[in-house]
């Protein structure tokens, strides 16, 4: 995977997580919505990609856990 692609995906990830946090913080959406969880999961995946490409394992592990929590939340919303 190219470094440029990983960086673009990583920037998306940062923007998605920050967007989710902003929307919830200003009561535009709640944490119990699919859009919030999708932003968190896809954002975490983007940060995982760039972290692994740079061999920065701490943020990769943090975001793996973050994404798993989001996936469980999405499943609970769909059930």
PDB file of N, CA and C in Angstrom:
ATOM      1  N   UNK A   1       0.858  -1.177   0.000  1.00  0.00           N
ATOM      2  CA  UNK A   1       0.000   0.000   0.000  1.00  0.00           C
ATOM      3  C   UNK A   1       0.898   1.233   0.000  1.00  0.00           C
ATOM      4  N   UNK A   2       0.537   2.204  -0.807  1.00  0.00           N
ATOM      5  CA  UNK A   2       1.372   3.397  -0.908  1.00  0.00           C
ATOM      6  C   UNK A   2       1.219   4.281   0.321  1.00  0.00           C
ATOM      7  N   UNK A   3       2.284   4.989   0.612  1.00  0.00           N
ATOM      8  CA  UNK A   3       2.289   5.901   1.756  1.00  0.00           C
ATOM      9  C   UNK A   3       1.270   7.019   1.571  1.00  0.00           C
ATOM     10  N   UNK A   4       1.121   7.485   0.324  1.00  0.00           N
ATOM     11  CA  UNK A   4       0.158   8.559   0.053  1.00  0.00           C
ATOM     12  C   UNK A   4      -1.268   8.085   0.343  1.00  0.00           C
ATOM     13  N   UNK A   5      -1.604   6.873  -0.107  1.00  0.00           N
ATOM     14  CA  UNK A   5      -2.935   6.318   0.150  1.00  0.00           C
ATOM     15  C   UNK A   5      -3.173   6.165   1.650  1.00  0.00           C
ATOM     16  N   UNK A   6      -2.190   5.629   2.367  1.00  0.00           N
ATOM     17  CA  UNK A   6      -2.324   5.453   3.816  1.00  0.00           C
ATOM     18  C   UNK A   6      -2.541   6.791   4.502  1.00  0.00           C
ATOM     19  N   UNK A   7      -1.834   7.819   4.064  1.00  0.00           N
ATOM     20  CA  UNK A   7      -2.008   9.145   4.661  1.00  0.00           C
ATOM     21  C   UNK A   7      -3.401   9.708   4.391  1.00  0.00           C
ATOM     22  N   UNK A   8      -3.898   9.531   3.186  1.00  0.00           N
ATOM     23  CA  UNK A   8      -5.247  10.020   2.860  1.00  0.00           C
ATOM     24  C   UNK A   8      -6.282   9.295   3.718  1.00  0.00           C
ATOM     25  N   UNK A   9      -6.150   7.974   3.823  1.00  0.00           N
ATOM     26  CA  UNK A   9      -7.074   7.187   4.640  1.00  0.00           C
ATOM     27  C   UNK A   9      -6.966   7.607   6.106  1.00  0.00           C
ATOM     28  N   UNK A  10      -5.755   7.869   6.570  1.00  0.00           N
ATOM     29  CA  UNK A  10      -5.550   8.316   7.942  1.00  0.00           C
ATOM     30  C   UNK A  10      -6.184   9.665   8.220  1.00  0.00           C
ATOM     31  N   UNK A  11      -6.068  10.586   7.265  1.00  0.00           N
ATOM     32  CA  UNK A  11      -6.721  11.894   7.436  1.00  0.00           C
ATOM     33  C   UNK A  11      -8.235  11.743   7.460  1.00  0.00           C
ATOM     34  N   UNK A  12      -8.770  10.865   6.608  1.00  0.00           N
ATOM     35  CA  UNK A  12     -10.210  10.594   6.675  1.00  0.00           C
ATOM     36  C   UNK A  12     -10.572  10.084   8.069  1.00  0.00           C
ATOM     37  N   UNK A  13      -9.789   9.142   8.580  1.00  0.00           N
ATOM     38  CA  UNK A  13     -10.067   8.572   9.892  1.00  0.00           C
ATOM     39  C   UNK A  13     -10.108   9.623  10.984  1.00  0.00           C
ATOM     40  N   UNK A  14      -9.125  10.499  10.983  1.00  0.00           N
ATOM     41  CA  UNK A  14      -9.105  11.575  11.983  1.00  0.00           C
ATOM     42  C   UNK A  14     -10.319  12.477  11.841  1.00  0.00           C
ATOM     43  N   UNK A  15     -10.643  12.838  10.615  1.00  0.00           N
ATOM     44  CA  UNK A  15     -11.797  13.718  10.373  1.00  0.00           C
ATOM     45  C   UNK A  15     -13.102  13.040  10.792  1.00  0.00           C
ATOM     46  N   UNK A  16     -13.235  11.747  10.522  1.00  0.00           N
ATOM     47  CA  UNK A  16     -14.467  11.029  10.868  1.00  0.00           C
ATOM     48  C   UNK A  16     -14.658  10.949  12.377  1.00  0.00           C
ATOM     49  N   UNK A  17     -13.595  10.609  13.109  1.00  0.00           N
ATOM     50  CA  UNK A  17     -13.703  10.512  14.569  1.00  0.00           C
ATOM     51  C   UNK A  17     -13.999  11.882  15.172  1.00  0.00           C
ATOM     52  N   UNK A  18     -13.310  12.913  14.691  1.00  0.00           N
ATOM     53  CA  UNK A  18     -13.570  14.268  15.201  1.00  0.00           C
ATOM     54  C   UNK A  18     -14.972  14.748  14.856  1.00  0.00           C
ATOM     55  N   UNK A  19     -15.451  14.406  13.670  1.00  0.00           N
ATOM     56  CA  UNK A  19     -16.821  14.774  13.288  1.00  0.00           C
ATOM     57  C   UNK A  19     -17.829  14.097  14.207  1.00  0.00           C
ATOM     58  N   UNK A  20     -17.643  12.807  14.464  1.00  0.00           N
ATOM     59  CA  UNK A  20     -18.553  12.081  15.358  1.00  0.00           C
ATOM     60  C   UNK A  20     -18.561  12.716  16.744  1.00  0.00           C
ATOM     61  N   UNK A  21     -17.389  13.015  17.265  1.00  0.00           N
ATOM     62  CA  UNK A  21     -17.287  13.608  18.600  1.00  0.00           C
ATOM     63  C   UNK A  21     -17.950  14.983  18.644  1.00  0.00           C
ATOM     64  N   UNK A  22     -17.730  15.783  17.613  1.00  0.00           N
ATOM     65  CA  UNK A  22     -18.329  17.121  17.547  1.00  0.00           C
ATOM     66  C   UNK A  22     -19.847  17.036  17.488  1.00  0.00           C
ATOM     67  N   UNK A  23     -20.366  16.162  16.642  1.00  0.00           N
ATOM     68  CA  UNK A  23     -21.821  16.032  16.501  1.00  0.00           C
ATOM     69  C   UNK A  23     -22.489  15.612  17.805  1.00  0.00           C
ATOM     70  N   UNK A  24     -21.862  14.707  18.539  1.00  0.00           N
ATOM     71  CA  UNK A  24     -22.431  14.280  19.819  1.00  0.00           C
ATOM     72  C   UNK A  24     -22.254  15.367  20.875  1.00  0.00           C
ATOM     73  N   UNK A  25     -21.105  16.009  20.899  1.00  0.00           N
ATOM     74  CA  UNK A  25     -20.836  17.038  21.909  1.00  0.00           C
ATOM     75  C   UNK A  25     -21.780  18.220  21.811  1.00  0.00           C
ATOM     76  N   UNK A  26     -22.202  18.548  20.603  1.00  0.00           N
ATOM     77  CA  UNK A  26     -23.114  19.674  20.409  1.00  0.00           C
ATOM     78  C   UNK A  26     -24.575  19.224  20.259  1.00  0.00           C
ATOM     79  N   UNK A  27     -24.846  17.990  20.648  1.00  0.00           N
ATOM     80  CA  UNK A  27     -26.202  17.420  20.657  1.00  0.00           C
ATOM     81  C   UNK A  27     -26.893  17.475  19.294  1.00  0.00           C
ATOM     82  N   UNK A  28     -26.111  17.358  18.242  1.00  0.00           N
ATOM     83  CA  UNK A  28     -26.676  17.309  16.891  1.00  0.00           C
ATOM     84  C   UNK A  28     -27.173  15.889  16.606  1.00  0.00           C
ATOM     85  N   UNK A  29     -26.441  14.907  17.098  1.00  0.00           N
ATOM     86  CA  UNK A  29     -26.860  13.510  17.052  1.00  0.00           C
ATOM     87  C   UNK A  29     -26.591  12.916  18.431  1.00  0.00           C
ATOM     88  N   UNK A  30     -27.085  11.699  18.657  1.00  0.00           N
ATOM     89  CA  UNK A  30     -26.768  11.012  19.913  1.00  0.00           C
ATOM     90  C   UNK A  30     -25.806   9.866  19.618  1.00  0.00           C
ATOM     91  N   UNK A  31     -25.209   9.365  20.673  1.00  0.00           N
ATOM     92  CA  UNK A  31     -24.276   8.249  20.524  1.00  0.00           C
ATOM     93  C   UNK A  31     -24.991   6.950  20.177  1.00  0.00           C
ATOM     94  N   UNK A  32     -26.305   6.957  20.235  1.00  0.00           N
ATOM     95  CA  UNK A  32     -27.092   5.750  19.956  1.00  0.00           C
ATOM     96  C   UNK A  32     -27.628   5.741  18.526  1.00  0.00           C
ATOM     97  N   UNK A  33     -26.896   6.364  17.608  1.00  0.00           N
ATOM     98  CA  UNK A  33     -27.304   6.379  16.205  1.00  0.00           C
ATOM     99  C   UNK A  33     -26.279   5.626  15.367  1.00  0.00           C
ATOM    100  N   UNK A  34     -26.758   5.091  14.254  1.00  0.00           N
ATOM    101  CA  UNK A  34     -25.849   4.367  13.360  1.00  0.00           C
ATOM    102  C   UNK A  34     -24.787   5.278  12.768  1.00  0.00           C
ATOM    103  N   UNK A  35     -25.153   6.507  12.425  1.00  0.00           N
ATOM    104  CA  UNK A  35     -24.173   7.401  11.797  1.00  0.00           C
ATOM    105  C   UNK A  35     -23.005   7.671  12.739  1.00  0.00           C
ATOM    106  N   UNK A  36     -23.293   7.864  14.016  1.00  0.00           N
ATOM    107  CA  UNK A  36     -22.225   8.089  15.000  1.00  0.00           C
ATOM    108  C   UNK A  36     -21.291   6.882  15.044  1.00  0.00           C
ATOM    109  N   UNK A  37     -21.871   5.694  15.125  1.00  0.00           N
ATOM    110  CA  UNK A  37     -21.057   4.488  15.222  1.00  0.00           C
ATOM    111  C   UNK A  37     -20.290   4.217  13.922  1.00  0.00           C
ATOM    112  N   UNK A  38     -20.925   4.466  12.785  1.00  0.00           N
ATOM    113  CA  UNK A  38     -20.240   4.261  11.498  1.00  0.00           C
ATOM    114  C   UNK A  38     -19.068   5.227  11.357  1.00  0.00           C
ATOM    115  N   UNK A  39     -19.263   6.481  11.745  1.00  0.00           N
ATOM    116  CA  UNK A  39     -18.154   7.442  11.710  1.00  0.00           C
ATOM    117  C   UNK A  39     -17.008   6.972  12.601  1.00  0.00           C
ATOM    118  N   UNK A  40     -17.325   6.472  13.782  1.00  0.00           N
ATOM    119  CA  UNK A  40     -16.284   5.992  14.684  1.00  0.00           C
ATOM    120  C   UNK A  40     -15.564   4.766  14.142  1.00  0.00           C
ATOM    121  N   UNK A  41     -16.316   3.805  13.624  1.00  0.00           N
ATOM    122  CA  UNK A  41     -15.690   2.580  13.112  1.00  0.00           C
ATOM    123  C   UNK A  41     -14.840   2.874  11.882  1.00  0.00           C
ATOM    124  N   UNK A  42     -15.382   3.596  10.918  1.00  0.00           N
ATOM    125  CA  UNK A  42     -14.599   3.881   9.706  1.00  0.00           C
ATOM    126  C   UNK A  42     -13.426   4.801  10.020  1.00  0.00           C
ATOM    127  N   UNK A  43     -13.632   5.721  10.948  1.00  0.00           N
ATOM    128  CA  UNK A  43     -12.533   6.588  11.364  1.00  0.00           C
ATOM    129  C   UNK A  43     -11.416   5.792  12.013  1.00  0.00           C
ATOM    130  N   UNK A  44     -11.788   4.885  12.907  1.00  0.00           N
ATOM    131  CA  UNK A  44     -10.789   4.043  13.565  1.00  0.00           C
ATOM    132  C   UNK A  44     -10.048   3.183  12.544  1.00  0.00           C
ATOM    133  N   UNK A  45     -10.766   2.646  11.566  1.00  0.00           N
ATOM    134  CA  UNK A  45     -10.112   1.836  10.529  1.00  0.00           C
ATOM    135  C   UNK A  45      -9.100   2.659   9.740  1.00  0.00           C
ATOM    136  N   UNK A  46      -9.454   3.903   9.434  1.00  0.00           N
ATOM    137  CA  UNK A  46      -8.512   4.780   8.732  1.00  0.00           C
ATOM    138  C   UNK A  46      -7.264   5.046   9.546  1.00  0.00           C
ATOM    139  N   UNK A  47      -7.438   5.277  10.835  1.00  0.00           N
ATOM    140  CA  UNK A  47      -6.285   5.526  11.702  1.00  0.00           C
ATOM    141  C   UNK A  47      -5.448   4.259  11.864  1.00  0.00           C
ATOM    142  N   UNK A  48      -6.093   3.101  11.881  1.00  0.00           N
ATOM    143  CA  UNK A  48      -5.360   1.832  11.943  1.00  0.00           C
ATOM    144  C   UNK A  48      -4.456   1.693  10.722  1.00  0.00           C
ATOM    145  N   UNK A  49      -4.993   1.987   9.541  1.00  0.00           N
ATOM    146  CA  UNK A  49      -4.217   1.851   8.301  1.00  0.00           C
ATOM    147  C   UNK A  49      -2.968   2.718   8.346  1.00  0.00           C
ATOM    148  N   UNK A  50      -3.130   3.991   8.669  1.00  0.00           N
ATOM    149  CA  UNK A  50      -1.966   4.883   8.669  1.00  0.00           C
ATOM    150  C   UNK A  50      -1.006   4.533   9.803  1.00  0.00           C
ATOM    151  N   UNK A  51      -1.534   4.108  10.941  1.00  0.00           N
ATOM    152  CA  UNK A  51      -0.667   3.747  12.065  1.00  0.00           C
ATOM    153  C   UNK A  51       0.197   2.536  11.729  1.00  0.00           C
ATOM    154  N   UNK A  52      -0.417   1.521  11.147  1.00  0.00           N
ATOM    155  CA  UNK A  52       0.355   0.334  10.784  1.00  0.00           C
ATOM    156  C   UNK A  52       1.366   0.636   9.684  1.00  0.00           C
ATOM    157  N   UNK A  53       1.000   1.511   8.745  1.00  0.00           N
ATOM    158  CA  UNK A  53       1.938   1.842   7.666  1.00  0.00           C
ATOM    159  C   UNK A  53       3.164   2.576   8.199  1.00  0.00           C
ATOM    160  N   UNK A  54       3.010   3.262   9.318  1.00  0.00           N
ATOM    161  CA  UNK A  54       4.125   3.994   9.933  1.00  0.00           C
ATOM    162  C   UNK A  54       4.728   3.229  11.111  1.00  0.00           C
ATOM    163  N   UNK A  55       4.253   1.997  11.328  1.00  0.00           N
ATOM    164  CA  UNK A  55       4.706   1.151  12.432  1.00  0.00           C
ATOM    165  C   UNK A  55       4.529   1.836  13.782  1.00  0.00           C
ATOM    166  N   UNK A  56       3.422   2.554  13.910  1.00  0.00           N
ATOM    167  CA  UNK A  56       3.045   3.193  15.175  1.00  0.00           C
ATOM    168  C   UNK A  56       1.971   2.312  15.803  1.00  0.00           C
ATOM    169  N   UNK A  57       2.392   1.391  16.630  1.00  0.00           N
ATOM    170  CA  UNK A  57       1.490   0.345  17.099  1.00  0.00           C
ATOM    171  C   UNK A  57       0.542   0.784  18.214  1.00  0.00           C
ATOM    172  N   UNK A  58       0.930   1.769  19.017  1.00  0.00           N
ATOM    173  CA  UNK A  58       0.038   2.210  20.094  1.00  0.00           C
ATOM    174  C   UNK A  58      -1.282   2.752  19.555  1.00  0.00           C
ATOM    175  N   UNK A  59      -1.276   3.707  18.610  1.00  0.00           N
ATOM    176  CA  UNK A  59      -2.565   4.167  18.081  1.00  0.00           C
ATOM    177  C   UNK A  59      -3.299   3.076  17.300  1.00  0.00           C
ATOM    178  N   UNK A  60      -2.561   2.143  16.707  1.00  0.00           N
ATOM    179  CA  UNK A  60      -3.216   1.042  15.993  1.00  0.00           C
ATOM    180  C   UNK A  60      -4.015   0.183  16.967  1.00  0.00           C
ATOM    181  N   UNK A  61      -3.409  -0.180  18.096  1.00  0.00           N
ATOM    182  CA  UNK A  61      -4.099  -1.005  19.089  1.00  0.00           C
ATOM    183  C   UNK A  61      -5.300  -0.259  19.661  1.00  0.00           C
ATOM    184  N   UNK A  62      -5.111   1.004  20.009  1.00  0.00           N
ATOM    185  CA  UNK A  62      -6.211   1.810  20.536  1.00  0.00           C
ATOM    186  C   UNK A  62      -7.387   1.814  19.565  1.00  0.00           C
ATOM    187  N   UNK A  63      -7.109   2.001  18.292  1.00  0.00           N
ATOM    188  CA  UNK A  63      -8.177   2.096  17.305  1.00  0.00           C
ATOM    189  C   UNK A  63      -8.754   0.747  16.914  1.00  0.00           C
ATOM    190  N   UNK A  64      -8.010  -0.325  17.087  1.00  0.00           N
ATOM    191  CA  UNK A  64      -8.591  -1.660  16.905  1.00  0.00           C
ATOM    192  C   UNK A  64      -9.673  -1.876  17.957  1.00  0.00           C
ATOM    193  N   UNK A  65      -9.358  -1.542  19.202  1.00  0.00           N
ATOM    194  CA  UNK A  65     -10.347  -1.665  20.278  1.00  0.00           C
ATOM    195  C   UNK A  65     -11.521  -0.731  20.016  1.00  0.00           C
ATOM    196  N   UNK A  66     -11.227   0.514  19.604  1.00  0.00           N
ATOM    197  CA  UNK A  66     -12.268   1.514  19.303  1.00  0.00           C
ATOM    198  C   UNK A  66     -13.218   0.982  18.229  1.00  0.00           C
ATOM    199  N   UNK A  67     -12.650   0.412  17.171  1.00  0.00           N
ATOM    200  CA  UNK A  67     -13.469  -0.117  16.075  1.00  0.00           C
ATOM    201  C   UNK A  67     -14.310  -1.307  16.539  1.00  0.00           C
ATOM    202  N   UNK A  68     -13.736  -2.177  17.360  1.00  0.00           N
ATOM    203  CA  UNK A  68     -14.493  -3.329  17.860  1.00  0.00           C
ATOM    204  C   UNK A  68     -15.670  -2.888  18.723  1.00  0.00           C
ATOM    205  N   UNK A  69     -15.448  -1.892  19.571  1.00  0.00           N
ATOM    206  CA  UNK A  69     -16.542  -1.358  20.389  1.00  0.00           C
ATOM    207  C   UNK A  69     -17.635  -0.802  19.481  1.00  0.00           C
ATOM    208  N   UNK A  70     -17.236  -0.057  18.456  1.00  0.00           N
ATOM    209  CA  UNK A  70     -18.208   0.500  17.521  1.00  0.00           C
ATOM    210  C   UNK A  70     -18.971  -0.567  16.759  1.00  0.00           C
ATOM    211  N   UNK A  71     -18.280  -1.630  16.364  1.00  0.00           N
ATOM    212  CA  UNK A  71     -18.956  -2.723  15.651  1.00  0.00           C
ATOM    213  C   UNK A  71     -19.985  -3.416  16.538  1.00  0.00           C
ATOM    214  N   UNK A  72     -19.636  -3.636  17.797  1.00  0.00           N
ATOM    215  CA  UNK A  72     -20.596  -4.231  18.733  1.00  0.00           C
ATOM    216  C   UNK A  72     -21.801  -3.310  18.889  1.00  0.00           C
ATOM    217  N   UNK A  73     -21.551  -2.010  18.996  1.00  0.00           N
ATOM    218  CA  UNK A  73     -22.657  -1.048  19.130  1.00  0.00           C
ATOM    219  C   UNK A  73     -23.558  -1.064  17.896  1.00  0.00           C
ATOM    220  N   UNK A  74     -22.959  -1.161  16.709  1.00  0.00           N
ATOM    221  CA  UNK A  74     -23.756  -1.223  15.475  1.00  0.00           C
ATOM    222  C   UNK A  74     -24.610  -2.489  15.463  1.00  0.00           C
ATOM    223  N   UNK A  75     -24.020  -3.604  15.845  1.00  0.00           N
ATOM    224  CA  UNK A  75     -24.779  -4.861  15.885  1.00  0.00           C
ATOM    225  C   UNK A  75     -25.951  -4.740  16.849  1.00  0.00           C
ATOM    226  N   UNK A  76     -25.712  -4.145  18.013  1.00  0.00           N
ATOM    227  CA  UNK A  76     -26.796  -3.965  18.987  1.00  0.00           C
ATOM    228  C   UNK A  76     -27.890  -3.056  18.435  1.00  0.00           C
ATOM    229  N   UNK A  77     -27.506  -2.048  17.653  1.00  0.00           N
ATOM    230  CA  UNK A  77     -28.505  -1.158  17.053  1.00  0.00           C
ATOM    231  C   UNK A  77     -29.342  -1.877  15.998  1.00  0.00           C
ATOM    232  N   UNK A  78     -28.756  -2.846  15.326  1.00  0.00           N
ATOM    233  CA  UNK A  78     -29.445  -3.559  14.254  1.00  0.00           C
ATOM    234  C   UNK A  78     -30.325  -4.697  14.762  1.00  0.00           C
ATOM    235  N   UNK A  79     -30.066  -5.145  15.960  1.00  0.00           N
ATOM    236  CA  UNK A  79     -30.835  -6.284  16.514  1.00  0.00           C
ATOM    237  C   UNK A  79     -32.143  -5.794  17.107  1.00  0.00           C
TER     238      UNK A  79
END
